[in-house]
Amino acid sequence: MAGVKRPVVVGAVAGVVAAVALGGGAAWLLLSSHHAPPDLALSSTRPSGPTAALAGTWTVASGSQVGYRAREKFIDQASTTEAVARTSDLKGSLVVAVDGTTVKVTRMTFTVNLASLVSQDRYANYQVYQRDFFVRTVYLQTDVFPTATFTAGALSFPLPAAGALSVDVNGKLAVHGETRDVTAHVQATASGAQAEVAGTINVDMRNFGIEPPDISFTKAEPAVTIEFDLKLVHA
């Protein structure tokens, strides 16, 4: 009997090892199959044109995008990956005045349709659109709170001699029925009748009454990076 037990035990151990190896391989395949787009950023860092051309009202034009990035952990995953969703359904404007080489921005308001956010990251073996459904309906509750709005008061800064402008913009973000002070880290360029503004806002979704999504197949972390690339034209 002793001679029979040993092959059975060895076979059982080998089976466990194989299962662990296959499970690890599946997790590795899931992680390695994930692809997220690069951060939104300026398409060019060309210097701004004559300051006089900056004065006036600027509005959001086609080609603009706003979205979010959040870390999440899929079921049976060894580590986190990055969920990325974006939309081009937004509107907004700002007013620029110029005094010599000093630029003053006022009446800055941008509004995004949250119900139009669509995931941009991809897994080779998973349909991320299912995540979008839960995020929109259960967590963002876009049927009740369909938009997010960023507003800022007056902001003054010297126009850089070369390259893109880099500036922090303090403002208010209204999401999910809550309004909080936030800081947007911005880069901007302008040339003629066109301008571009790109940057990020870092928030904790719990500060807006939004619980981190915890779905059967994935769980998100509370930290969110809001990213934007705004193409602006003279109104």
C-alpha atoms as a PDB file:
ATOM      1  CA  MET A   1       0.000   0.000   0.000  1.00  0.00           C
ATOM      2  CA  ALA A   2       2.870   2.349   0.777  1.00  0.00           C
ATOM      3  CA  GLY A   3       4.061   1.978  -2.788  1.00  0.00           C
ATOM      4  CA  VAL A   4       0.651   3.043  -4.068  1.00  0.00           C
ATOM      5  CA  LYS A   5       0.286   6.156  -1.893  1.00  0.00           C
ATOM      6  CA  ARG A   6       3.521   7.788  -3.003  1.00  0.00           C
ATOM      7  CA  PRO A   7       2.587   8.168  -6.714  1.00  0.00           C
ATOM      8  CA  VAL A   8      -0.844   9.471  -5.693  1.00  0.00           C
ATOM      9  CA  VAL A   9       0.670  12.101  -3.379  1.00  0.00           C
ATOM     10  CA  VAL A  10       3.268  13.100  -5.944  1.00  0.00           C
ATOM     11  CA  GLY A  11       0.557  13.391  -8.587  1.00  0.00           C
ATOM     12  CA  ALA A  12      -1.602  15.557  -6.318  1.00  0.00           C
ATOM     13  CA  VAL A  13       1.306  17.878  -5.544  1.00  0.00           C
ATOM     14  CA  ALA A  14       2.140  18.135  -9.222  1.00  0.00           C
ATOM     15  CA  GLY A  15      -1.488  19.009  -9.941  1.00  0.00           C
ATOM     16  CA  VAL A  16      -1.468  21.816  -7.375  1.00  0.00           C
ATOM     17  CA  VAL A  17       1.786  23.211  -8.761  1.00  0.00           C
ATOM     18  CA  ALA A  18       0.374  23.107 -12.284  1.00  0.00           C
ATOM     19  CA  ALA A  19      -2.805  24.886 -11.174  1.00  0.00           C
ATOM     20  CA  VAL A  20      -0.809  27.623  -9.457  1.00  0.00           C
ATOM     21  CA  ALA A  21       1.385  28.011 -12.521  1.00  0.00           C
ATOM     22  CA  LEU A  22      -1.621  28.221 -14.824  1.00  0.00           C
ATOM     23  CA  GLY A  23      -3.326  30.731 -12.534  1.00  0.00           C
ATOM     24  CA  GLY A  24      -0.208  32.873 -12.458  1.00  0.00           C
ATOM     25  CA  GLY A  25       0.054  32.586 -16.205  1.00  0.00           C
ATOM     26  CA  ALA A  26      -3.539  33.721 -16.637  1.00  0.00           C
ATOM     27  CA  ALA A  27      -2.960  36.730 -14.370  1.00  0.00           C
ATOM     28  CA  TRP A  28       0.198  37.609 -16.315  1.00  0.00           C
ATOM     29  CA  LEU A  29      -1.680  37.332 -19.600  1.00  0.00           C
ATOM     30  CA  LEU A  30      -4.411  39.637 -18.299  1.00  0.00           C
ATOM     31  CA  LEU A  31      -1.892  42.231 -17.152  1.00  0.00           C
ATOM     32  CA  SER A  32       0.246  42.013 -20.275  1.00  0.00           C
ATOM     33  CA  SER A  33      -2.818  42.337 -22.521  1.00  0.00           C
ATOM     34  CA  HIS A  34      -3.854  45.648 -20.972  1.00  0.00           C
ATOM     35  CA  HIS A  35      -3.200  48.786 -23.007  1.00  0.00           C
ATOM     36  CA  ALA A  36      -4.022  52.335 -21.884  1.00  0.00           C
ATOM     37  CA  PRO A  37      -3.586  55.462 -24.035  1.00  0.00           C
ATOM     38  CA  PRO A  38      -0.888  57.986 -23.098  1.00  0.00           C
ATOM     39  CA  ASP A  39      -1.750  61.007 -20.960  1.00  0.00           C
ATOM     40  CA  LEU A  40      -3.563  63.871 -22.657  1.00  0.00           C
ATOM     41  CA  ALA A  41      -1.052  66.629 -23.393  1.00  0.00           C
ATOM     42  CA  LEU A  42      -0.351  69.583 -25.661  1.00  0.00           C
ATOM     43  CA  SER A  43       0.010  68.628 -29.303  1.00  0.00           C
ATOM     44  CA  SER A  44       2.695  71.312 -29.628  1.00  0.00           C
ATOM     45  CA  THR A  45       4.734  73.503 -27.287  1.00  0.00           C
ATOM     46  CA  ARG A  46       5.247  76.259 -29.827  1.00  0.00           C
ATOM     47  CA  PRO A  47       5.514  79.732 -28.252  1.00  0.00           C
ATOM     48  CA  SER A  48       2.486  82.010 -28.146  1.00  0.00           C
ATOM     49  CA  GLY A  49       2.081  84.672 -30.780  1.00  0.00           C
ATOM     50  CA  PRO A  50       1.655  88.451 -30.259  1.00  0.00           C
ATOM     51  CA  THR A  51      -0.024  89.203 -26.942  1.00  0.00           C
ATOM     52  CA  ALA A  52      -2.601  91.492 -28.556  1.00  0.00           C
ATOM     53  CA  ALA A  53      -4.024  88.481 -30.444  1.00  0.00           C
ATOM     54  CA  LEU A  54      -4.829  86.749 -27.154  1.00  0.00           C
ATOM     55  CA  ALA A  55      -7.431  89.275 -26.001  1.00  0.00           C
ATOM     56  CA  GLY A  56     -11.071  88.266 -26.255  1.00  0.00           C
ATOM     57  CA  THR A  57     -13.366  85.318 -25.564  1.00  0.00           C
ATOM     58  CA  TRP A  58     -12.164  81.793 -26.285  1.00  0.00           C
ATOM     59  CA  THR A  59     -14.506  78.809 -26.606  1.00  0.00           C
ATOM     60  CA  VAL A  60     -14.058  75.039 -26.742  1.00  0.00           C
ATOM     61  CA  ALA A  61     -13.682  73.701 -30.279  1.00  0.00           C
ATOM     62  CA  SER A  62     -13.772  70.273 -31.914  1.00  0.00           C
ATOM     63  CA  GLY A  63     -10.921  67.933 -31.059  1.00  0.00           C
ATOM     64  CA  SER A  64     -11.130  68.680 -27.323  1.00  0.00           C
ATOM     65  CA  GLN A  65     -11.140  65.815 -24.840  1.00  0.00           C
ATOM     66  CA  VAL A  66     -11.705  65.355 -21.117  1.00  0.00           C
ATOM     67  CA  GLY A  67     -11.470  62.160 -19.107  1.00  0.00           C
ATOM     68  CA  TYR A  68     -10.197  60.364 -16.047  1.00  0.00           C
ATOM     69  CA  ARG A  69      -7.553  57.885 -14.986  1.00  0.00           C
ATOM     70  CA  ALA A  70      -7.918  55.609 -11.966  1.00  0.00           C
ATOM     71  CA  ARG A  71      -6.060  52.569 -10.718  1.00  0.00           C
ATOM     72  CA  GLU A  72      -8.120  49.387 -10.530  1.00  0.00           C
ATOM     73  CA  LYS A  73      -7.552  45.733  -9.720  1.00  0.00           C
ATOM     74  CA  PHE A  74      -9.354  43.116 -11.753  1.00  0.00           C
ATOM     75  CA  ILE A  75     -10.403  39.852 -10.144  1.00  0.00           C
ATOM     76  CA  ASP A  76      -7.498  37.377  -9.843  1.00  0.00           C
ATOM     77  CA  GLN A  77      -5.100  40.107 -10.961  1.00  0.00           C
ATOM     78  CA  ALA A  78      -1.683  40.293  -9.327  1.00  0.00           C
ATOM     79  CA  SER A  79      -1.484  44.101  -9.372  1.00  0.00           C
ATOM     80  CA  THR A  80      -3.386  47.185 -10.506  1.00  0.00           C
ATOM     81  CA  THR A  81      -3.805  48.583 -14.000  1.00  0.00           C
ATOM     82  CA  GLU A  82      -5.117  51.955 -15.169  1.00  0.00           C
ATOM     83  CA  ALA A  83      -8.721  52.556 -16.160  1.00  0.00           C
ATOM     84  CA  VAL A  84      -9.010  55.422 -18.671  1.00  0.00           C
ATOM     85  CA  ALA A  85     -12.252  56.952 -19.966  1.00  0.00           C
ATOM     86  CA  ARG A  86     -12.742  60.046 -22.146  1.00  0.00           C
ATOM     87  CA  THR A  87     -15.325  62.149 -23.916  1.00  0.00           C
ATOM     88  CA  SER A  88     -15.411  64.979 -26.452  1.00  0.00           C
ATOM     89  CA  ASP A  89     -18.864  66.079 -25.314  1.00  0.00           C
ATOM     90  CA  LEU A  90     -17.957  69.269 -23.483  1.00  0.00           C
ATOM     91  CA  LYS A  91     -18.403  73.001 -23.755  1.00  0.00           C
ATOM     92  CA  GLY A  92     -16.966  76.086 -22.138  1.00  0.00           C
ATOM     93  CA  SER A  93     -15.186  79.383 -22.511  1.00  0.00           C
ATOM     94  CA  LEU A  94     -12.858  81.906 -20.922  1.00  0.00           C
ATOM     95  CA  VAL A  95     -12.107  85.592 -21.383  1.00  0.00           C
ATOM     96  CA  VAL A  96      -8.574  86.939 -21.857  1.00  0.00           C
ATOM     97  CA  ALA A  97      -7.345  90.498 -21.370  1.00  0.00           C
ATOM     98  CA  VAL A  98      -3.785  91.685 -22.017  1.00  0.00           C
ATOM     99  CA  ASP A  99      -1.804  94.436 -20.306  1.00  0.00           C
ATOM    100  CA  GLY A 100       1.683  94.603 -21.816  1.00  0.00           C
ATOM    101  CA  THR A 101       3.156  91.141 -21.263  1.00  0.00           C
ATOM    102  CA  THR A 102       0.702  90.290 -18.482  1.00  0.00           C
ATOM    103  CA  VAL A 103      -2.277  88.100 -19.317  1.00  0.00           C
ATOM    104  CA  LYS A 104      -5.458  88.062 -17.227  1.00  0.00           C
ATOM    105  CA  VAL A 105      -7.989  85.256 -17.568  1.00  0.00           C
ATOM    106  CA  THR A 106     -11.542  85.572 -16.220  1.00  0.00           C
ATOM    107  CA  ARG A 107     -14.953  83.882 -16.486  1.00  0.00           C
ATOM    108  CA  MET A 108     -13.487  80.403 -16.926  1.00  0.00           C
ATOM    109  CA  THR A 109     -16.216  77.733 -17.114  1.00  0.00           C
ATOM    110  CA  PHE A 110     -16.096  74.250 -18.624  1.00  0.00           C
ATOM    111  CA  THR A 111     -18.853  71.624 -18.471  1.00  0.00           C
ATOM    112  CA  VAL A 112     -18.572  67.925 -19.379  1.00  0.00           C
ATOM    113  CA  ASN A 113     -21.298  65.396 -20.160  1.00  0.00           C
ATOM    114  CA  LEU A 114     -20.371  62.520 -17.831  1.00  0.00           C
ATOM    115  CA  ALA A 115     -22.867  60.145 -19.426  1.00  0.00           C
ATOM    116  CA  SER A 116     -20.765  60.217 -22.606  1.00  0.00           C
ATOM    117  CA  LEU A 117     -17.547  58.923 -20.982  1.00  0.00           C
ATOM    118  CA  VAL A 118     -16.222  55.838 -22.772  1.00  0.00           C
ATOM    119  CA  SER A 119     -13.330  53.632 -21.675  1.00  0.00           C
ATOM    120  CA  GLN A 120     -10.200  53.970 -23.795  1.00  0.00           C
ATOM    121  CA  ASP A 121      -8.042  51.277 -22.209  1.00  0.00           C
ATOM    122  CA  ARG A 122      -8.341  47.730 -23.508  1.00  0.00           C
ATOM    123  CA  TYR A 123      -7.827  44.156 -22.386  1.00  0.00           C
ATOM    124  CA  ALA A 124      -7.394  41.562 -25.098  1.00  0.00           C
ATOM    125  CA  ASN A 125      -9.759  39.213 -23.264  1.00  0.00           C
ATOM    126  CA  TYR A 126     -12.180  41.551 -21.496  1.00  0.00           C
ATOM    127  CA  GLN A 127     -14.907  43.976 -22.585  1.00  0.00           C
ATOM    128  CA  VAL A 128     -14.310  47.187 -20.602  1.00  0.00           C
ATOM    129  CA  TYR A 129     -17.619  48.696 -21.756  1.00  0.00           C
ATOM    130  CA  GLN A 130     -19.223  46.738 -18.911  1.00  0.00           C
ATOM    131  CA  ARG A 131     -17.220  48.898 -16.503  1.00  0.00           C
ATOM    132  CA  ASP A 132     -18.634  52.033 -18.154  1.00  0.00           C
ATOM    133  CA  PHE A 133     -22.206  50.911 -17.486  1.00  0.00           C
ATOM    134  CA  PHE A 134     -21.612  50.497 -13.749  1.00  0.00           C
ATOM    135  CA  VAL A 135     -19.538  53.676 -13.410  1.00  0.00           C
ATOM    136  CA  ARG A 136     -22.170  55.802 -15.143  1.00  0.00           C
ATOM    137  CA  THR A 137     -25.330  54.348 -13.636  1.00  0.00           C
ATOM    138  CA  VAL A 138     -24.349  53.177 -10.147  1.00  0.00           C
ATOM    139  CA  TYR A 139     -21.451  55.410  -9.086  1.00  0.00           C
ATOM    140  CA  LEU A 140     -21.641  58.685 -11.040  1.00  0.00           C
ATOM    141  CA  GLN A 141     -25.449  58.407 -11.208  1.00  0.00           C
ATOM    142  CA  THR A 142     -25.517  60.365 -14.444  1.00  0.00           C
ATOM    143  CA  ASP A 143     -29.307  60.146 -14.647  1.00  0.00           C
ATOM    144  CA  VAL A 144     -29.391  62.500 -11.631  1.00  0.00           C
ATOM    145  CA  PHE A 145     -26.005  64.257 -11.989  1.00  0.00           C
ATOM    146  CA  PRO A 146     -25.309  64.304 -15.746  1.00  0.00           C
ATOM    147  CA  THR A 147     -22.491  66.867 -15.824  1.00  0.00           C
ATOM    148  CA  ALA A 148     -19.295  68.023 -14.146  1.00  0.00           C
ATOM    149  CA  THR A 149     -18.328  71.703 -14.189  1.00  0.00           C
ATOM    150  CA  PHE A 150     -15.025  73.457 -13.505  1.00  0.00           C
ATOM    151  CA  THR A 151     -15.045  77.202 -12.799  1.00  0.00           C
ATOM    152  CA  ALA A 152     -12.276  79.626 -11.862  1.00  0.00           C
ATOM    153  CA  GLY A 153     -12.060  83.300 -11.006  1.00  0.00           C
ATOM    154  CA  ALA A 154      -9.506  85.856 -12.183  1.00  0.00           C
ATOM    155  CA  LEU A 155      -6.002  84.612 -12.927  1.00  0.00           C
ATOM    156  CA  SER A 156      -2.995  86.752 -13.956  1.00  0.00           C
ATOM    157  CA  PHE A 157       0.409  85.629 -15.211  1.00  0.00           C
ATOM    158  CA  PRO A 158       3.287  86.905 -17.368  1.00  0.00           C
ATOM    159  CA  LEU A 159       3.435  85.483 -20.875  1.00  0.00           C
ATOM    160  CA  PRO A 160       6.514  83.227 -21.220  1.00  0.00           C
ATOM    161  CA  ALA A 161       9.253  84.396 -23.596  1.00  0.00           C
ATOM    162  CA  ALA A 162       9.405  80.954 -25.221  1.00  0.00           C
ATOM    163  CA  GLY A 163       7.635  77.616 -25.099  1.00  0.00           C
ATOM    164  CA  ALA A 164       4.372  76.714 -23.417  1.00  0.00           C
ATOM    165  CA  LEU A 165       2.930  78.484 -20.413  1.00  0.00           C
ATOM    166  CA  SER A 166       2.839  76.401 -17.215  1.00  0.00           C
ATOM    167  CA  VAL A 167       0.529  77.590 -14.442  1.00  0.00           C
ATOM    168  CA  ASP A 168      -1.604  76.266 -11.582  1.00  0.00           C
ATOM    169  CA  VAL A 169      -5.240  77.337 -11.743  1.00  0.00           C
ATOM    170  CA  ASN A 170      -7.268  77.288  -8.524  1.00  0.00           C
ATOM    171  CA  GLY A 171     -10.945  76.717  -9.101  1.00  0.00           C
ATOM    172  CA  LYS A 172     -14.042  74.788  -8.115  1.00  0.00           C
ATOM    173  CA  LEU A 173     -15.174  71.422  -9.392  1.00  0.00           C
ATOM    174  CA  ALA A 174     -18.873  70.484  -9.175  1.00  0.00           C
ATOM    175  CA  VAL A 175     -19.587  66.756  -9.518  1.00  0.00           C
ATOM    176  CA  HIS A 176     -22.300  64.466  -8.167  1.00  0.00           C
ATOM    177  CA  GLY A 177     -24.028  67.290  -6.327  1.00  0.00           C
ATOM    178  CA  GLU A 178     -20.852  68.331  -4.483  1.00  0.00           C
ATOM    179  CA  THR A 179     -18.573  71.326  -5.133  1.00  0.00           C
ATOM    180  CA  ARG A 180     -14.955  71.303  -3.962  1.00  0.00           C
ATOM    181  CA  ASP A 181     -11.880  73.501  -4.336  1.00  0.00           C
ATOM    182  CA  VAL A 182      -9.356  71.974  -6.737  1.00  0.00           C
ATOM    183  CA  THR A 183      -6.147  72.937  -8.499  1.00  0.00           C
ATOM    184  CA  ALA A 184      -5.639  72.378 -12.212  1.00  0.00           C
ATOM    185  CA  HIS A 185      -2.032  71.954 -13.347  1.00  0.00           C
ATOM    186  CA  VAL A 186      -2.089  73.539 -16.785  1.00  0.00           C
ATOM    187  CA  GLN A 187       0.069  74.020 -19.863  1.00  0.00           C
ATOM    188  CA  ALA A 188      -1.101  76.313 -22.658  1.00  0.00           C
ATOM    189  CA  THR A 189      -0.075  77.680 -26.033  1.00  0.00           C
ATOM    190  CA  ALA A 190      -1.719  80.082 -28.490  1.00  0.00           C
ATOM    191  CA  SER A 191      -1.110  81.050 -32.077  1.00  0.00           C
ATOM    192  CA  GLY A 192      -3.331  83.413 -34.018  1.00  0.00           C
ATOM    193  CA  ALA A 193      -6.983  82.485 -33.533  1.00  0.00           C
ATOM    194  CA  GLN A 194      -6.247  79.093 -31.981  1.00  0.00           C
ATOM    195  CA  ALA A 195      -5.109  78.035 -28.525  1.00  0.00           C
ATOM    196  CA  GLU A 196      -4.642  74.768 -26.656  1.00  0.00           C
ATOM    197  CA  VAL A 197      -4.854  74.086 -22.919  1.00  0.00           C
ATOM    198  CA  ALA A 198      -3.938  70.712 -21.418  1.00  0.00           C
ATOM    199  CA  GLY A 199      -3.439  69.480 -17.891  1.00  0.00           C
ATOM    200  CA  THR A 200      -4.654  67.495 -14.902  1.00  0.00           C
ATOM    201  CA  ILE A 201      -6.689  67.786 -11.712  1.00  0.00           C
ATOM    202  CA  ASN A 202      -6.093  65.262  -8.935  1.00  0.00           C
ATOM    203  CA  VAL A 203      -9.050  64.409  -6.709  1.00  0.00           C
ATOM    204  CA  ASP A 204     -10.321  61.793  -4.281  1.00  0.00           C
ATOM    205  CA  MET A 205     -13.726  60.667  -5.560  1.00  0.00           C
ATOM    206  CA  ARG A 206     -14.967  60.181  -1.997  1.00  0.00           C
ATOM    207  CA  ASN A 207     -14.797  63.966  -1.483  1.00  0.00           C
ATOM    208  CA  PHE A 208     -17.607  64.227  -4.022  1.00  0.00           C
ATOM    209  CA  GLY A 209     -19.777  61.579  -2.407  1.00  0.00           C
ATOM    210  CA  ILE A 210     -18.707  58.923  -4.925  1.00  0.00           C
ATOM    211  CA  GLU A 211     -17.686  55.541  -3.571  1.00  0.00           C
ATOM    212  CA  PRO A 212     -14.784  53.842  -5.399  1.00  0.00           C
ATOM    213  CA  PRO A 213     -16.371  51.362  -7.831  1.00  0.00           C
ATOM    214  CA  ASP A 214     -16.342  47.837  -6.395  1.00  0.00           C
ATOM    215  CA  ILE A 215     -17.860  45.546  -8.992  1.00  0.00           C
ATOM    216  CA  SER A 216     -17.753  41.758  -9.149  1.00  0.00           C
ATOM    217  CA  PHE A 217     -14.893  41.793 -11.639  1.00  0.00           C
ATOM    218  CA  THR A 218     -12.909  44.902 -10.625  1.00  0.00           C
ATOM    219  CA  LYS A 219     -12.268  47.278  -7.721  1.00  0.00           C
ATOM    220  CA  ALA A 220     -11.047  50.873  -8.154  1.00  0.00           C
ATOM    221  CA  GLU A 221      -8.863  53.006  -5.925  1.00  0.00           C
ATOM    222  CA  PRO A 222     -10.289  56.362  -4.705  1.00  0.00           C
ATOM    223  CA  ALA A 223      -7.624  58.597  -6.273  1.00  0.00           C
ATOM    224  CA  VAL A 224      -8.595  59.946  -9.692  1.00  0.00           C
ATOM    225  CA  THR A 225      -6.666  62.048 -12.190  1.00  0.00           C
ATOM    226  CA  ILE A 226      -8.900  64.189 -14.366  1.00  0.00           C
ATOM    227  CA  GLU A 227      -7.083  64.983 -17.614  1.00  0.00           C
ATOM    228  CA  PHE A 228      -7.994  67.391 -20.373  1.00  0.00           C
ATOM    229  CA  ASP A 229      -6.829  68.678 -23.746  1.00  0.00           C
ATOM    230  CA  LEU A 230      -8.885  71.688 -24.810  1.00  0.00           C
ATOM    231  CA  LYS A 231      -8.720  73.176 -28.288  1.00  0.00           C
ATOM    232  CA  LEU A 232      -9.895  76.785 -28.102  1.00  0.00           C
ATOM    233  CA  VAL A 233     -10.867  79.289 -30.775  1.00  0.00           C
ATOM    234  CA  HIS A 234     -11.794  82.959 -30.663  1.00  0.00           C
ATOM    235  CA  ALA A 235     -15.553  83.321 -30.274  1.00  0.00           C
END
